[in-house]
Amino acid sequence: MTQNRQAGRRPGTPGAVSRWMQHRANARVNRRIRQGKGTTMGMDVLILHTVGVRSGEPRETPVAWYADGDDARLIVASGGGKRNPDWYDNLMASPERAAIELAGRDAVPVTPRRLEGPDRDRAWERITAANPRMAKYQNKSDRVYPVLRLTAR
C-alpha cells in the first residue's frame, strides 16, 4: 500500500506490476500461437500487430477472433467492459500498420473496419453464437463493444 501511495495511486488501482503481468501473459499466449496452438480457453486466438499511439513502438496482442467468410476475421474490443482496450486505440490510430498472425503462420497486413448498424448486429449474432460468454459480458457493460472486421490487404 505504501508503494501505491508513493507513486500517487490509490490502493488497488492498476499499476506497473499489473501491466508487467499482462505483458508476460500476452507473451506466453503469443508463443503458443507461434507454435501452432491457436486456441486459448476454447477460443481461436490471433496475434494483432499494432503500433502504440503514444510510443510509436510495435505492439503484439493476443485477441480472440471469429471467422467472417473465408478471408476475414471478426474481433471484439471488450477491454474488460469498462473501456476500450489499448490495442483498439492503437489500431484505430494507425490502421494502415495493422497485421495479424494466425497459428503457425507469418504476419499478414490487414485492413480493420469498425462495424456499425445491421453489419454489427449480424456479426454480433455470429460472435455470441460461437461464444455465449460475450453476450454476458456485453450485458454487464454500459458501453457497446466495438466489433471490427479484419480483411487481408
Protein backbone atom coordinates (compact mmCIF):
# COMPACT_ATOMS: atom_id res chain seq x y z
CA MET A 1 0.00 0.00 0.00
CA THR A 2 2.86 2.36 0.79
CA GLN A 3 4.29 1.95 -2.70
CA ASN A 4 0.94 2.84 -4.31
CA ARG A 5 0.67 5.99 -2.24
CA GLN A 6 4.24 6.95 -3.05
CA ALA A 7 3.52 6.50 -6.75
CA GLY A 8 0.45 8.75 -6.44
CA ARG A 9 -2.05 5.92 -6.97
CA ARG A 10 -4.95 4.82 -4.83
CA PRO A 11 -4.59 1.39 -3.26
CA GLY A 12 -6.00 -1.30 -5.53
CA THR A 13 -5.64 0.63 -8.79
CA PRO A 14 -3.75 -0.96 -11.67
CA GLY A 15 -0.11 -0.01 -11.85
CA ALA A 16 3.18 -1.04 -13.32
CA VAL A 17 3.05 -4.52 -11.79
CA SER A 18 -0.30 -5.38 -13.40
CA ARG A 19 0.93 -4.07 -16.77
CA TRP A 20 4.06 -6.20 -16.40
CA MET A 21 1.97 -9.25 -15.56
CA GLN A 22 -0.30 -8.61 -18.57
CA HIS A 23 2.75 -8.26 -20.82
CA ARG A 24 4.08 -11.63 -19.58
CA ALA A 25 0.71 -13.34 -20.07
CA ASN A 26 0.42 -11.90 -23.60
CA ALA A 27 3.96 -13.06 -24.44
CA ARG A 28 3.13 -16.60 -23.23
CA VAL A 29 -0.03 -16.78 -25.38
CA ASN A 30 1.84 -15.31 -28.38
CA ARG A 31 4.48 -18.06 -28.07
CA ARG A 32 1.76 -20.71 -28.10
CA ILE A 33 0.17 -19.17 -31.22
CA ARG A 34 3.52 -19.11 -32.99
CA GLN A 35 3.97 -22.79 -32.11
CA GLY A 36 0.75 -23.55 -33.97
CA LYS A 37 -1.55 -23.69 -30.94
CA GLY A 38 -4.16 -21.10 -31.87
CA THR A 39 -6.75 -21.70 -29.16
CA THR A 40 -6.91 -20.43 -25.59
CA MET A 41 -9.76 -21.20 -23.21
CA GLY A 42 -11.68 -22.73 -26.11
CA MET A 43 -11.43 -19.63 -28.32
CA ASP A 44 -9.47 -19.13 -31.53
CA VAL A 45 -6.78 -16.53 -30.89
CA LEU A 46 -4.61 -14.47 -33.24
CA ILE A 47 -1.77 -12.04 -32.65
CA LEU A 48 -2.78 -8.49 -33.52
CA HIS A 49 0.13 -6.29 -34.59
CA THR A 50 -0.36 -2.58 -33.94
CA VAL A 51 1.75 0.48 -33.17
CA GLY A 52 1.49 2.28 -29.83
CA VAL A 53 -0.35 5.60 -30.09
CA ARG A 54 2.00 7.43 -27.73
CA SER A 55 5.18 5.38 -28.01
CA GLY A 56 5.20 4.53 -31.71
CA GLU A 57 6.55 1.12 -30.65
CA PRO A 58 5.27 -2.14 -32.20
CA ARG A 59 2.70 -3.99 -30.11
CA GLU A 60 1.63 -7.65 -30.33
CA THR A 61 -1.59 -8.58 -28.56
CA PRO A 62 -3.39 -11.93 -28.48
CA VAL A 63 -7.06 -11.40 -29.39
CA ALA A 64 -9.94 -13.87 -29.79
CA TRP A 65 -11.27 -13.99 -33.35
CA TYR A 66 -14.31 -15.30 -35.16
CA ALA A 67 -14.49 -16.32 -38.82
CA ASP A 68 -16.32 -13.99 -41.20
CA GLY A 69 -16.21 -15.79 -44.51
CA ASP A 70 -13.02 -17.25 -45.92
CA ASP A 71 -10.94 -14.10 -45.93
CA ALA A 72 -11.96 -12.06 -42.88
CA ARG A 73 -11.83 -12.21 -39.08
CA LEU A 74 -14.05 -10.50 -36.51
CA ILE A 75 -12.62 -9.22 -33.23
CA VAL A 76 -14.32 -7.53 -30.28
CA ALA A 77 -12.87 -4.63 -28.26
CA SER A 78 -14.37 -5.61 -24.92
CA GLY A 79 -11.47 -4.43 -22.75
CA GLY A 80 -12.89 -5.87 -19.55
CA GLY A 81 -16.13 -3.97 -20.04
CA LYS A 82 -15.25 -0.52 -18.74
CA ARG A 83 -13.24 0.96 -21.60
CA ASN A 84 -11.77 0.13 -24.96
CA PRO A 85 -8.58 -1.91 -24.72
CA ASP A 86 -5.30 -0.22 -25.62
CA TRP A 87 -4.95 -2.35 -28.75
CA TYR A 88 -8.20 -0.84 -30.09
CA ASP A 89 -6.93 2.72 -29.70
CA ASN A 90 -3.63 1.73 -31.32
CA LEU A 91 -5.42 0.00 -34.21
CA MET A 92 -7.74 2.93 -34.89
CA ALA A 93 -4.89 5.46 -34.73
CA SER A 94 -2.76 3.61 -37.32
CA PRO A 95 -4.96 1.16 -39.23
CA GLU A 96 -2.55 1.12 -42.17
CA ARG A 97 0.10 -0.51 -39.95
CA ALA A 98 -2.11 -3.36 -38.70
CA ALA A 99 -1.32 -7.03 -39.27
CA ILE A 100 -2.40 -10.37 -37.84
CA GLU A 101 -0.68 -13.68 -37.20
CA LEU A 102 -2.67 -16.88 -37.14
CA ALA A 103 -1.39 -20.07 -35.50
CA GLY A 104 1.93 -21.08 -37.02
CA ARG A 105 1.72 -18.58 -39.90
CA ASP A 106 3.56 -15.38 -40.82
CA ALA A 107 2.02 -11.98 -40.15
CA VAL A 108 -0.37 -10.68 -42.84
CA PRO A 109 -1.24 -6.98 -43.24
CA VAL A 110 -4.94 -6.32 -42.66
CA THR A 111 -7.45 -3.53 -43.08
CA PRO A 112 -9.63 -3.04 -40.00
CA ARG A 113 -13.18 -1.72 -40.31
CA ARG A 114 -15.42 -0.97 -37.35
CA LEU A 115 -18.85 -2.44 -37.98
CA GLU A 116 -21.96 -0.35 -37.30
CA GLY A 117 -25.72 -0.86 -37.51
CA PRO A 118 -27.02 -4.01 -39.23
CA ASP A 119 -23.48 -5.14 -40.14
CA ARG A 120 -22.51 -5.10 -36.46
CA ASP A 121 -25.78 -6.78 -35.45
CA ARG A 122 -25.20 -9.69 -37.88
CA ALA A 123 -21.57 -10.04 -36.78
CA TRP A 124 -22.56 -9.89 -33.11
CA GLU A 125 -25.06 -12.72 -33.64
CA ARG A 126 -22.31 -14.91 -35.11
CA ILE A 127 -19.90 -13.99 -32.31
CA THR A 128 -22.35 -14.71 -29.49
CA ALA A 129 -23.47 -17.96 -31.14
CA ALA A 130 -19.83 -19.08 -31.17
CA ASN A 131 -19.08 -17.68 -27.70
CA PRO A 132 -22.16 -17.05 -25.49
CA ARG A 133 -19.92 -15.55 -22.79
CA MET A 134 -19.52 -12.45 -24.97
CA ALA A 135 -23.24 -11.69 -24.65
CA LYS A 136 -22.98 -11.99 -20.86
CA TYR A 137 -20.00 -9.63 -20.79
CA GLN A 138 -21.79 -7.13 -23.03
CA ASN A 139 -24.89 -7.21 -20.82
CA LYS A 140 -22.79 -6.21 -17.80
CA SER A 141 -21.31 -3.16 -19.55
CA ASP A 142 -22.75 0.32 -20.08
CA ARG A 143 -21.00 0.69 -23.43
CA VAL A 144 -21.44 -1.14 -26.72
CA TYR A 145 -18.35 -3.16 -27.55
CA PRO A 146 -16.80 -2.24 -30.88
CA VAL A 147 -16.77 -5.10 -33.38
CA LEU A 148 -14.07 -4.95 -36.05
CA ARG A 149 -13.73 -6.83 -39.31
CA LEU A 150 -10.16 -7.54 -40.40
CA THR A 151 -9.55 -8.33 -44.05
CA ALA A 152 -6.20 -9.13 -45.67
CA ARG A 153 -4.65 -6.26 -47.61
